[in-house]
């Protein structure tokens, strides 16, 4: 092989790498939000509302930055589901382990 062949080969590999990264990012933008909502549905239906609230911690994590994969509307819908689950399990709507005051429960119903 000549050095020209090496340059062409590395250019093809670099182009493939960029294309592959874009494909994976697109796949993540579609699959992570839809899988998250499926998981929220399963957890809610099985009475695991505290796990839904805990899931919000993973989405909000700066380490994983999963929140960047959601549209504003998807985030809004997710936060509504987290809020509803937090009320049902008696957690603070922000996910802290403090019980929600009885007055707040009465106001929400």
PDB file of N, CA and C in Angstrom:
ATOM      1  N   UNK A   1       0.834  -1.196   0.000  1.00  0.00           N
ATOM      2  CA  UNK A   1       0.000   0.000   0.000  1.00  0.00           C
ATOM      3  C   UNK A   1       0.868   1.246   0.000  1.00  0.00           C
ATOM      4  N   UNK A   2       0.390   2.233  -0.665  1.00  0.00           N
ATOM      5  CA  UNK A   2       1.108   3.501  -0.657  1.00  0.00           C
ATOM      6  C   UNK A   2       0.518   4.398   0.415  1.00  0.00           C
ATOM      7  N   UNK A   3       1.216   5.470   0.700  1.00  0.00           N
ATOM      8  CA  UNK A   3       0.701   6.406   1.699  1.00  0.00           C
ATOM      9  C   UNK A   3      -0.590   7.060   1.231  1.00  0.00           C
ATOM     10  N   UNK A   4      -0.791   7.168  -0.093  1.00  0.00           N
ATOM     11  CA  UNK A   4      -2.036   7.714  -0.631  1.00  0.00           C
ATOM     12  C   UNK A   4      -3.200   6.787  -0.304  1.00  0.00           C
ATOM     13  N   UNK A   5      -2.968   5.473  -0.442  1.00  0.00           N
ATOM     14  CA  UNK A   5      -3.995   4.498  -0.093  1.00  0.00           C
ATOM     15  C   UNK A   5      -4.358   4.591   1.389  1.00  0.00           C
ATOM     16  N   UNK A   6      -3.349   4.784   2.234  1.00  0.00           N
ATOM     17  CA  UNK A   6      -3.586   4.926   3.671  1.00  0.00           C
ATOM     18  C   UNK A   6      -4.444   6.149   3.969  1.00  0.00           C
ATOM     19  N   UNK A   7      -4.150   7.256   3.297  1.00  0.00           N
ATOM     20  CA  UNK A   7      -4.919   8.483   3.517  1.00  0.00           C
ATOM     21  C   UNK A   7      -6.362   8.310   3.080  1.00  0.00           C
ATOM     22  N   UNK A   8      -6.566   7.663   1.928  1.00  0.00           N
ATOM     23  CA  UNK A   8      -7.928   7.427   1.447  1.00  0.00           C
ATOM     24  C   UNK A   8      -8.672   6.515   2.408  1.00  0.00           C
ATOM     25  N   UNK A   9      -8.004   5.483   2.868  1.00  0.00           N
ATOM     26  CA  UNK A   9      -8.615   4.533   3.793  1.00  0.00           C
ATOM     27  C   UNK A   9      -8.983   5.204   5.106  1.00  0.00           C
ATOM     28  N   UNK A  10      -8.110   6.034   5.651  1.00  0.00           N
ATOM     29  CA  UNK A  10      -8.417   6.702   6.914  1.00  0.00           C
ATOM     30  C   UNK A  10      -9.520   7.732   6.716  1.00  0.00           C
ATOM     31  N   UNK A  11      -9.598   8.367   5.543  1.00  0.00           N
ATOM     32  CA  UNK A  11     -10.685   9.307   5.257  1.00  0.00           C
ATOM     33  C   UNK A  11     -12.022   8.606   5.211  1.00  0.00           C
ATOM     34  N   UNK A  12     -12.064   7.415   4.614  1.00  0.00           N
ATOM     35  CA  UNK A  12     -13.300   6.621   4.554  1.00  0.00           C
ATOM     36  C   UNK A  12     -13.701   6.207   5.957  1.00  0.00           C
ATOM     37  N   UNK A  13     -12.734   5.752   6.750  1.00  0.00           N
ATOM     38  CA  UNK A  13     -13.028   5.348   8.126  1.00  0.00           C
ATOM     39  C   UNK A  13     -13.535   6.524   8.950  1.00  0.00           C
ATOM     40  N   UNK A  14     -12.942   7.692   8.770  1.00  0.00           N
ATOM     41  CA  UNK A  14     -13.374   8.878   9.512  1.00  0.00           C
ATOM     42  C   UNK A  14     -14.788   9.261   9.101  1.00  0.00           C
ATOM     43  N   UNK A  15     -15.070   9.204   7.800  1.00  0.00           N
ATOM     44  CA  UNK A  15     -16.410   9.536   7.309  1.00  0.00           C
ATOM     45  C   UNK A  15     -17.430   8.541   7.853  1.00  0.00           C
ATOM     46  N   UNK A  16     -17.071   7.262   7.850  1.00  0.00           N
ATOM     47  CA  UNK A  16     -17.946   6.232   8.388  1.00  0.00           C
ATOM     48  C   UNK A  16     -18.185   6.473   9.878  1.00  0.00           C
ATOM     49  N   UNK A  17     -17.140   6.863  10.597  1.00  0.00           N
ATOM     50  CA  UNK A  17     -17.268   7.111  12.029  1.00  0.00           C
ATOM     51  C   UNK A  17     -18.222   8.250  12.324  1.00  0.00           C
ATOM     52  N   UNK A  18     -18.144   9.324  11.555  1.00  0.00           N
ATOM     53  CA  UNK A  18     -19.051  10.464  11.740  1.00  0.00           C
ATOM     54  C   UNK A  18     -20.483  10.037  11.437  1.00  0.00           C
ATOM     55  N   UNK A  19     -20.658   9.326  10.338  1.00  0.00           N
ATOM     56  CA  UNK A  19     -21.995   8.865   9.951  1.00  0.00           C
ATOM     57  C   UNK A  19     -22.566   7.927  11.011  1.00  0.00           C
ATOM     58  N   UNK A  20     -21.733   7.043  11.507  1.00  0.00           N
ATOM     59  CA  UNK A  20     -22.177   6.082  12.528  1.00  0.00           C
ATOM     60  C   UNK A  20     -22.571   6.795  13.819  1.00  0.00           C
ATOM     61  N   UNK A  21     -21.790   7.789  14.241  1.00  0.00           N
ATOM     62  CA  UNK A  21     -22.130   8.562  15.438  1.00  0.00           C
ATOM     63  C   UNK A  21     -23.464   9.276  15.264  1.00  0.00           C
ATOM     64  N   UNK A  22     -23.706   9.835  14.079  1.00  0.00           N
ATOM     65  CA  UNK A  22     -24.973  10.508  13.806  1.00  0.00           C
ATOM     66  C   UNK A  22     -26.140   9.525  13.853  1.00  0.00           C
ATOM     67  N   UNK A  23     -25.927   8.320  13.308  1.00  0.00           N
ATOM     68  CA  UNK A  23     -26.967   7.290  13.355  1.00  0.00           C
ATOM     69  C   UNK A  23     -27.292   6.898  14.795  1.00  0.00           C
ATOM     70  N   UNK A  24     -26.249   6.699  15.589  1.00  0.00           N
ATOM     71  CA  UNK A  24     -26.454   6.321  16.993  1.00  0.00           C
ATOM     72  C   UNK A  24     -27.157   7.424  17.770  1.00  0.00           C
ATOM     73  N   UNK A  25     -26.787   8.668  17.520  1.00  0.00           N
ATOM     74  CA  UNK A  25     -27.440   9.797  18.202  1.00  0.00           C
ATOM     75  C   UNK A  25     -28.916   9.873  17.827  1.00  0.00           C
ATOM     76  N   UNK A  26     -29.215   9.673  16.556  1.00  0.00           N
ATOM     77  CA  UNK A  26     -30.599   9.681  16.093  1.00  0.00           C
ATOM     78  C   UNK A  26     -31.388   8.543  16.741  1.00  0.00           C
ATOM     79  N   UNK A  27     -30.786   7.391  16.810  1.00  0.00           N
ATOM     80  CA  UNK A  27     -31.418   6.236  17.443  1.00  0.00           C
ATOM     81  C   UNK A  27     -31.683   6.496  18.919  1.00  0.00           C
ATOM     82  N   UNK A  28     -30.722   7.097  19.596  1.00  0.00           N
ATOM     83  CA  UNK A  28     -30.899   7.424  21.022  1.00  0.00           C
ATOM     84  C   UNK A  28     -32.043   8.425  21.217  1.00  0.00           C
ATOM     85  N   UNK A  29     -32.129   9.436  20.333  1.00  0.00           N
ATOM     86  CA  UNK A  29     -33.181  10.454  20.450  1.00  0.00           C
ATOM     87  C   UNK A  29     -34.566   9.859  20.277  1.00  0.00           C
ATOM     88  N   UNK A  30     -34.674   8.782  19.544  1.00  0.00           N
ATOM     89  CA  UNK A  30     -35.965   8.125  19.346  1.00  0.00           C
ATOM     90  C   UNK A  30     -36.219   7.093  20.453  1.00  0.00           C
ATOM     91  N   UNK A  31     -35.238   6.244  20.693  1.00  0.00           N
ATOM     92  CA  UNK A  31     -35.448   5.086  21.571  1.00  0.00           C
ATOM     93  C   UNK A  31     -35.465   5.416  23.060  1.00  0.00           C
ATOM     94  N   UNK A  32     -34.604   6.293  23.516  1.00  0.00           N
ATOM     95  CA  UNK A  32     -34.529   6.571  24.964  1.00  0.00           C
ATOM     96  C   UNK A  32     -35.844   7.190  25.463  1.00  0.00           C
ATOM     97  N   UNK A  33     -36.377   8.232  24.817  1.00  0.00           N
ATOM     98  CA  UNK A  33     -37.648   8.764  25.315  1.00  0.00           C
ATOM     99  C   UNK A  33     -38.789   7.746  25.240  1.00  0.00           C
ATOM    100  N   UNK A  34     -38.913   7.025  24.129  1.00  0.00           N
ATOM    101  CA  UNK A  34     -40.023   6.076  24.024  1.00  0.00           C
ATOM    102  C   UNK A  34     -39.876   4.938  25.028  1.00  0.00           C
ATOM    103  N   UNK A  35     -38.661   4.459  25.240  1.00  0.00           N
ATOM    104  CA  UNK A  35     -38.428   3.407  26.231  1.00  0.00           C
ATOM    105  C   UNK A  35     -38.698   3.925  27.640  1.00  0.00           C
ATOM    106  N   UNK A  36     -38.351   5.173  27.889  1.00  0.00           N
ATOM    107  CA  UNK A  36     -38.608   5.775  29.200  1.00  0.00           C
ATOM    108  C   UNK A  36     -40.103   5.810  29.486  1.00  0.00           C
ATOM    109  N   UNK A  37     -40.895   6.224  28.503  1.00  0.00           N
ATOM    110  CA  UNK A  37     -42.346   6.273  28.711  1.00  0.00           C
ATOM    111  C   UNK A  37     -42.938   4.879  28.869  1.00  0.00           C
ATOM    112  N   UNK A  38     -42.410   3.897  28.146  1.00  0.00           N
ATOM    113  CA  UNK A  38     -42.864   2.519  28.349  1.00  0.00           C
ATOM    114  C   UNK A  38     -42.548   2.053  29.767  1.00  0.00           C
ATOM    115  N   UNK A  39     -41.353   2.369  30.244  1.00  0.00           N
ATOM    116  CA  UNK A  39     -40.953   2.006  31.597  1.00  0.00           C
ATOM    117  C   UNK A  39     -41.839   2.702  32.632  1.00  0.00           C
ATOM    118  N   UNK A  40     -42.130   3.977  32.421  1.00  0.00           N
ATOM    119  CA  UNK A  40     -43.014   4.706  33.341  1.00  0.00           C
ATOM    120  C   UNK A  40     -44.380   4.027  33.388  1.00  0.00           C
ATOM    121  N   UNK A  41     -44.898   3.624  32.230  1.00  0.00           N
ATOM    122  CA  UNK A  41     -46.196   2.939  32.198  1.00  0.00           C
ATOM    123  C   UNK A  41     -46.159   1.632  32.978  1.00  0.00           C
ATOM    124  N   UNK A  42     -45.116   0.838  32.776  1.00  0.00           N
ATOM    125  CA  UNK A  42     -44.992  -0.447  33.480  1.00  0.00           C
ATOM    126  C   UNK A  42     -44.876  -0.219  34.982  1.00  0.00           C
ATOM    127  N   UNK A  43     -44.024   0.721  35.383  1.00  0.00           N
ATOM    128  CA  UNK A  43     -43.838   0.991  36.810  1.00  0.00           C
ATOM    129  C   UNK A  43     -45.127   1.513  37.445  1.00  0.00           C
ATOM    130  N   UNK A  44     -45.831   2.376  36.745  1.00  0.00           N
ATOM    131  CA  UNK A  44     -47.077   2.930  37.274  1.00  0.00           C
ATOM    132  C   UNK A  44     -48.132   1.836  37.408  1.00  0.00           C
ATOM    133  N   UNK A  45     -48.283   1.042  36.373  1.00  0.00           N
ATOM    134  CA  UNK A  45     -49.287  -0.030  36.401  1.00  0.00           C
ATOM    135  C   UNK A  45     -48.992  -1.078  37.467  1.00  0.00           C
ATOM    136  N   UNK A  46     -47.725  -1.256  37.798  1.00  0.00           N
ATOM    137  CA  UNK A  46     -47.359  -2.249  38.808  1.00  0.00           C
ATOM    138  C   UNK A  46     -47.241  -1.636  40.207  1.00  0.00           C
ATOM    139  N   UNK A  47     -47.652  -0.364  40.338  1.00  0.00           N
ATOM    140  CA  UNK A  47     -47.671   0.277  41.646  1.00  0.00           C
ATOM    141  C   UNK A  47     -46.313   0.692  42.169  1.00  0.00           C
ATOM    142  N   UNK A  48     -45.345   0.839  41.294  1.00  0.00           N
ATOM    143  CA  UNK A  48     -43.994   1.209  41.709  1.00  0.00           C
ATOM    144  C   UNK A  48     -43.746   2.695  41.435  1.00  0.00           C
ATOM    145  N   UNK A  49     -44.586   3.520  42.014  1.00  0.00           N
ATOM    146  CA  UNK A  49     -44.498   4.956  41.776  1.00  0.00           C
ATOM    147  C   UNK A  49     -43.187   5.559  42.287  1.00  0.00           C
ATOM    148  N   UNK A  50     -42.648   5.033  43.357  1.00  0.00           N
ATOM    149  CA  UNK A  50     -41.376   5.552  43.872  1.00  0.00           C
ATOM    150  C   UNK A  50     -40.256   5.334  42.851  1.00  0.00           C
ATOM    151  N   UNK A  51     -40.329   4.249  42.089  1.00  0.00           N
ATOM    152  CA  UNK A  51     -39.320   3.991  41.058  1.00  0.00           C
ATOM    153  C   UNK A  51     -39.436   4.997  39.911  1.00  0.00           C
ATOM    154  N   UNK A  52     -40.659   5.460  39.643  1.00  0.00           N
ATOM    155  CA  UNK A  52     -40.849   6.494  38.612  1.00  0.00           C
ATOM    156  C   UNK A  52     -40.156   7.777  39.058  1.00  0.00           C
ATOM    157  N   UNK A  53     -40.320   8.125  40.328  1.00  0.00           N
ATOM    158  CA  UNK A  53     -39.676   9.324  40.867  1.00  0.00           C
ATOM    159  C   UNK A  53     -38.159   9.158  40.810  1.00  0.00           C
ATOM    160  N   UNK A  54     -37.671   7.979  41.120  1.00  0.00           N
ATOM    161  CA  UNK A  54     -36.233   7.711  41.068  1.00  0.00           C
ATOM    162  C   UNK A  54     -35.706   7.795  39.634  1.00  0.00           C
ATOM    163  N   UNK A  55     -36.515   7.385  38.679  1.00  0.00           N
ATOM    164  CA  UNK A  55     -36.122   7.457  37.273  1.00  0.00           C
ATOM    165  C   UNK A  55     -35.810   8.895  36.854  1.00  0.00           C
ATOM    166  N   UNK A  56     -36.517   9.847  37.443  1.00  0.00           N
ATOM    167  CA  UNK A  56     -36.267  11.259  37.136  1.00  0.00           C
ATOM    168  C   UNK A  56     -34.837  11.650  37.493  1.00  0.00           C
ATOM    169  N   UNK A  57     -34.276  11.048  38.532  1.00  0.00           N
ATOM    170  CA  UNK A  57     -32.881  11.335  38.906  1.00  0.00           C
ATOM    171  C   UNK A  57     -31.918  10.933  37.794  1.00  0.00           C
ATOM    172  N   UNK A  58     -32.184   9.800  37.160  1.00  0.00           N
ATOM    173  CA  UNK A  58     -31.311   9.357  36.073  1.00  0.00           C
ATOM    174  C   UNK A  58     -31.413  10.293  34.872  1.00  0.00           C
ATOM    175  N   UNK A  59     -32.632  10.714  34.564  1.00  0.00           N
ATOM    176  CA  UNK A  59     -32.798  11.623  33.431  1.00  0.00           C
ATOM    177  C   UNK A  59     -32.158  12.971  33.695  1.00  0.00           C
ATOM    178  N   UNK A  60     -32.178  13.420  34.940  1.00  0.00           N
ATOM    179  CA  UNK A  60     -31.631  14.732  35.289  1.00  0.00           C
ATOM    180  C   UNK A  60     -30.125  14.707  35.517  1.00  0.00           C
ATOM    181  N   UNK A  61     -29.541  13.523  35.560  1.00  0.00           N
ATOM    182  CA  UNK A  61     -28.122  13.373  35.864  1.00  0.00           C
ATOM    183  C   UNK A  61     -27.242  14.067  34.831  1.00  0.00           C
ATOM    184  N   UNK A  62     -26.314  14.868  35.321  1.00  0.00           N
ATOM    185  CA  UNK A  62     -25.333  15.503  34.440  1.00  0.00           C
ATOM    186  C   UNK A  62     -24.358  14.470  33.882  1.00  0.00           C
ATOM    187  N   UNK A  63     -24.177  13.381  34.600  1.00  0.00           N
ATOM    188  CA  UNK A  63     -23.265  12.334  34.143  1.00  0.00           C
ATOM    189  C   UNK A  63     -23.778  11.690  32.851  1.00  0.00           C
ATOM    190  N   UNK A  64     -25.072  11.374  32.795  1.00  0.00           N
ATOM    191  CA  UNK A  64     -25.637  10.691  31.635  1.00  0.00           C
ATOM    192  C   UNK A  64     -26.244  11.661  30.616  1.00  0.00           C
ATOM    193  N   UNK A  65     -26.715  12.795  31.063  1.00  0.00           N
ATOM    194  CA  UNK A  65     -27.325  13.829  30.223  1.00  0.00           C
ATOM    195  C   UNK A  65     -28.430  13.282  29.320  1.00  0.00           C
ATOM    196  N   UNK A  66     -29.223  12.370  29.861  1.00  0.00           N
ATOM    197  CA  UNK A  66     -30.321  11.796  29.080  1.00  0.00           C
ATOM    198  C   UNK A  66     -31.395  12.830  28.756  1.00  0.00           C
ATOM    199  N   UNK A  67     -31.527  13.837  29.593  1.00  0.00           N
ATOM    200  CA  UNK A  67     -32.518  14.882  29.361  1.00  0.00           C
ATOM    201  C   UNK A  67     -32.302  15.585  28.026  1.00  0.00           C
ATOM    202  N   UNK A  68     -31.092  15.565  27.507  1.00  0.00           N
ATOM    203  CA  UNK A  68     -30.812  16.229  26.234  1.00  0.00           C
ATOM    204  C   UNK A  68     -31.433  15.492  25.051  1.00  0.00           C
ATOM    205  N   UNK A  69     -31.864  14.260  25.269  1.00  0.00           N
ATOM    206  CA  UNK A  69     -32.451  13.451  24.194  1.00  0.00           C
ATOM    207  C   UNK A  69     -33.953  13.659  24.065  1.00  0.00           C
ATOM    208  N   UNK A  70     -34.540  14.395  24.997  1.00  0.00           N
ATOM    209  CA  UNK A  70     -35.983  14.615  25.024  1.00  0.00           C
ATOM    210  C   UNK A  70     -36.324  15.981  24.446  1.00  0.00           C
ATOM    211  N   UNK A  71     -37.458  16.054  23.754  1.00  0.00           N
ATOM    212  CA  UNK A  71     -37.958  17.357  23.336  1.00  0.00           C
ATOM    213  C   UNK A  71     -38.556  18.047  24.558  1.00  0.00           C
ATOM    214  N   UNK A  72     -38.829  19.314  24.456  1.00  0.00           N
ATOM    215  CA  UNK A  72     -39.444  20.040  25.574  1.00  0.00           C
ATOM    216  C   UNK A  72     -40.793  19.432  25.930  1.00  0.00           C
ATOM    217  N   UNK A  73     -41.559  19.057  24.933  1.00  0.00           N
ATOM    218  CA  UNK A  73     -42.873  18.453  25.175  1.00  0.00           C
ATOM    219  C   UNK A  73     -42.728  17.097  25.868  1.00  0.00           C
ATOM    220  N   UNK A  74     -41.761  16.292  25.457  1.00  0.00           N
ATOM    221  CA  UNK A  74     -41.534  14.997  26.105  1.00  0.00           C
ATOM    222  C   UNK A  74     -41.118  15.186  27.557  1.00  0.00           C
ATOM    223  N   UNK A  75     -40.255  16.157  27.811  1.00  0.00           N
ATOM    224  CA  UNK A  75     -39.852  16.436  29.196  1.00  0.00           C
ATOM    225  C   UNK A  75     -41.036  16.891  30.029  1.00  0.00           C
ATOM    226  N   UNK A  76     -41.874  17.738  29.450  1.00  0.00           N
ATOM    227  CA  UNK A  76     -43.064  18.207  30.167  1.00  0.00           C
ATOM    228  C   UNK A  76     -43.958  17.019  30.532  1.00  0.00           C
ATOM    229  N   UNK A  77     -44.215  16.141  29.550  1.00  0.00           N
ATOM    230  CA  UNK A  77     -45.061  14.967  29.810  1.00  0.00           C
ATOM    231  C   UNK A  77     -44.432  14.059  30.869  1.00  0.00           C
ATOM    232  N   UNK A  78     -43.122  13.887  30.798  1.00  0.00           N
ATOM    233  CA  UNK A  78     -42.443  13.045  31.773  1.00  0.00           C
ATOM    234  C   UNK A  78     -42.563  13.630  33.176  1.00  0.00           C
ATOM    235  N   UNK A  79     -42.344  14.928  33.299  1.00  0.00           N
ATOM    236  CA  UNK A  79     -42.421  15.567  34.619  1.00  0.00           C
ATOM    237  C   UNK A  79     -43.828  15.517  35.202  1.00  0.00           C
ATOM    238  N   UNK A  80     -44.833  15.575  34.353  1.00  0.00           N
ATOM    239  CA  UNK A  80     -46.213  15.413  34.834  1.00  0.00           C
ATOM    240  C   UNK A  80     -46.388  14.016  35.410  1.00  0.00           C
ATOM    241  N   UNK A  81     -45.869  13.015  34.716  1.00  0.00           N
ATOM    242  CA  UNK A  81     -45.979  11.637  35.204  1.00  0.00           C
ATOM    243  C   UNK A  81     -45.216  11.452  36.520  1.00  0.00           C
ATOM    244  N   UNK A  82     -44.046  12.082  36.632  1.00  0.00           N
ATOM    245  CA  UNK A  82     -43.266  12.005  37.873  1.00  0.00           C
ATOM    246  C   UNK A  82     -44.046  12.659  39.009  1.00  0.00           C
ATOM    247  N   UNK A  83     -44.637  13.809  38.734  1.00  0.00           N
ATOM    248  CA  UNK A  83     -45.423  14.513  39.753  1.00  0.00           C
ATOM    249  C   UNK A  83     -46.586  13.637  40.220  1.00  0.00           C
ATOM    250  N   UNK A  84     -47.315  13.051  39.279  1.00  0.00           N
ATOM    251  CA  UNK A  84     -48.448  12.187  39.635  1.00  0.00           C
ATOM    252  C   UNK A  84     -47.989  10.996  40.481  1.00  0.00           C
ATOM    253  N   UNK A  85     -46.878  10.393  40.098  1.00  0.00           N
ATOM    254  CA  UNK A  85     -46.349   9.257  40.858  1.00  0.00           C
ATOM    255  C   UNK A  85     -45.898   9.681  42.249  1.00  0.00           C
ATOM    256  N   UNK A  86     -45.312  10.869  42.346  1.00  0.00           N
ATOM    257  CA  UNK A  86     -44.831  11.332  43.648  1.00  0.00           C
ATOM    258  C   UNK A  86     -45.998  11.560  44.599  1.00  0.00           C
ATOM    259  N   UNK A  87     -47.101  12.032  44.071  1.00  0.00           N
ATOM    260  CA  UNK A  87     -48.284  12.227  44.910  1.00  0.00           C
ATOM    261  C   UNK A  87     -48.819  10.872  45.373  1.00  0.00           C
ATOM    262  N   UNK A  88     -48.905   9.902  44.456  1.00  0.00           N
ATOM    263  CA  UNK A  88     -49.430   8.584  44.820  1.00  0.00           C
ATOM    264  C   UNK A  88     -48.554   7.872  45.847  1.00  0.00           C
ATOM    265  N   UNK A  89     -47.244   8.025  45.758  1.00  0.00           N
ATOM    266  CA  UNK A  89     -46.374   7.294  46.695  1.00  0.00           C
ATOM    267  C   UNK A  89     -46.058   8.105  47.950  1.00  0.00           C
ATOM    268  N   UNK A  90     -46.559   9.353  48.005  1.00  0.00           N
ATOM    269  CA  UNK A  90     -46.337  10.171  49.192  1.00  0.00           C
ATOM    270  C   UNK A  90     -44.965  10.794  49.247  1.00  0.00           C
ATOM    271  N   UNK A  91     -44.273  10.838  48.125  1.00  0.00           N
ATOM    272  CA  UNK A  91     -42.951  11.469  48.062  1.00  0.00           C
ATOM    273  C   UNK A  91     -43.116  12.944  47.749  1.00  0.00           C
ATOM    274  N   UNK A  92     -42.082  13.681  48.059  1.00  0.00           N
ATOM    275  CA  UNK A  92     -42.027  15.067  47.640  1.00  0.00           C
ATOM    276  C   UNK A  92     -41.983  15.080  46.115  1.00  0.00           C
ATOM    277  N   UNK A  93     -42.704  15.993  45.447  1.00  0.00           N
ATOM    278  CA  UNK A  93     -42.701  16.020  43.981  1.00  0.00           C
ATOM    279  C   UNK A  93     -41.309  16.199  43.367  1.00  0.00           C
ATOM    280  N   UNK A  94     -40.364  16.704  44.143  1.00  0.00           N
ATOM    281  CA  UNK A  94     -39.002  16.849  43.634  1.00  0.00           C
ATOM    282  C   UNK A  94     -38.172  15.596  43.881  1.00  0.00           C
ATOM    283  N   UNK A  95     -38.804  14.576  44.489  1.00  0.00           N
ATOM    284  CA  UNK A  95     -38.125  13.309  44.682  1.00  0.00           C
ATOM    285  C   UNK A  95     -37.436  13.143  46.012  1.00  0.00           C
ATOM    286  N   UNK A  96     -37.565  14.124  46.894  1.00  0.00           N
ATOM    287  CA  UNK A  96     -36.973  13.980  48.213  1.00  0.00           C
ATOM    288  C   UNK A  96     -37.818  13.025  49.037  1.00  0.00           C
ATOM    289  N   UNK A  97     -37.264  12.460  50.061  1.00  0.00           N
ATOM    290  CA  UNK A  97     -37.959  11.447  50.845  1.00  0.00           C
ATOM    291  C   UNK A  97     -38.860  12.012  51.923  1.00  0.00           C
ATOM    292  N   UNK A  98     -39.188  13.282  51.831  1.00  0.00           N
ATOM    293  CA  UNK A  98     -40.097  13.868  52.803  1.00  0.00           C
ATOM    294  C   UNK A  98     -41.524  13.616  52.363  1.00  0.00           C
ATOM    295  N   UNK A  99     -42.397  13.202  53.289  1.00  0.00           N
ATOM    296  CA  UNK A  99     -43.783  12.957  52.901  1.00  0.00           C
ATOM    297  C   UNK A  99     -44.478  14.259  52.505  1.00  0.00           C
ATOM    298  N   UNK A 100     -45.399  14.147  51.592  1.00  0.00           N
ATOM    299  CA  UNK A 100     -46.187  15.293  51.161  1.00  0.00           C
ATOM    300  C   UNK A 100     -47.233  15.575  52.232  1.00  0.00           C
ATOM    301  N   UNK A 101     -47.432  16.844  52.534  1.00  0.00           N
ATOM    302  CA  UNK A 101     -48.406  17.236  53.547  1.00  0.00           C
ATOM    303  C   UNK A 101     -49.806  16.810  53.114  1.00  0.00           C
ATOM    304  N   UNK A 102     -50.622  16.399  54.082  1.00  0.00           N
ATOM    305  CA  UNK A 102     -51.987  15.982  53.802  1.00  0.00           C
ATOM    306  C   UNK A 102     -52.802  17.077  53.122  1.00  0.00           C
ATOM    307  N   UNK A 103     -52.546  18.359  53.500  1.00  0.00           N
ATOM    308  CA  UNK A 103     -53.279  19.463  52.890  1.00  0.00           C
ATOM    309  C   UNK A 103     -53.018  19.518  51.391  1.00  0.00           C
ATOM    310  N   UNK A 104     -51.774  19.252  50.975  1.00  0.00           N
ATOM    311  CA  UNK A 104     -51.439  19.298  49.564  1.00  0.00           C
ATOM    312  C   UNK A 104     -52.142  18.175  48.809  1.00  0.00           C
ATOM    313  N   UNK A 105     -52.221  17.003  49.408  1.00  0.00           N
ATOM    314  CA  UNK A 105     -52.926  15.910  48.782  1.00  0.00           C
ATOM    315  C   UNK A 105     -54.399  16.261  48.565  1.00  0.00           C
ATOM    316  N   UNK A 106     -54.998  16.902  49.568  1.00  0.00           N
ATOM    317  CA  UNK A 106     -56.395  17.300  49.469  1.00  0.00           C
ATOM    318  C   UNK A 106     -56.585  18.347  48.380  1.00  0.00           C
ATOM    319  N   UNK A 107     -55.642  19.277  48.261  1.00  0.00           N
ATOM    320  CA  UNK A 107     -55.733  20.312  47.221  1.00  0.00           C
ATOM    321  C   UNK A 107     -55.626  19.729  45.835  1.00  0.00           C
ATOM    322  N   UNK A 108     -54.804  18.708  45.658  1.00  0.00           N
ATOM    323  CA  UNK A 108     -54.586  18.117  44.344  1.00  0.00           C
ATOM    324  C   UNK A 108     -55.763  17.281  43.893  1.00  0.00           C
ATOM    325  N   UNK A 109     -56.579  16.815  44.813  1.00  0.00           N
ATOM    326  CA  UNK A 109     -57.733  15.974  44.445  1.00  0.00           C
ATOM    327  C   UNK A 109     -58.938  16.769  44.305  1.00  0.00           C
TER     328      UNK A 109
END
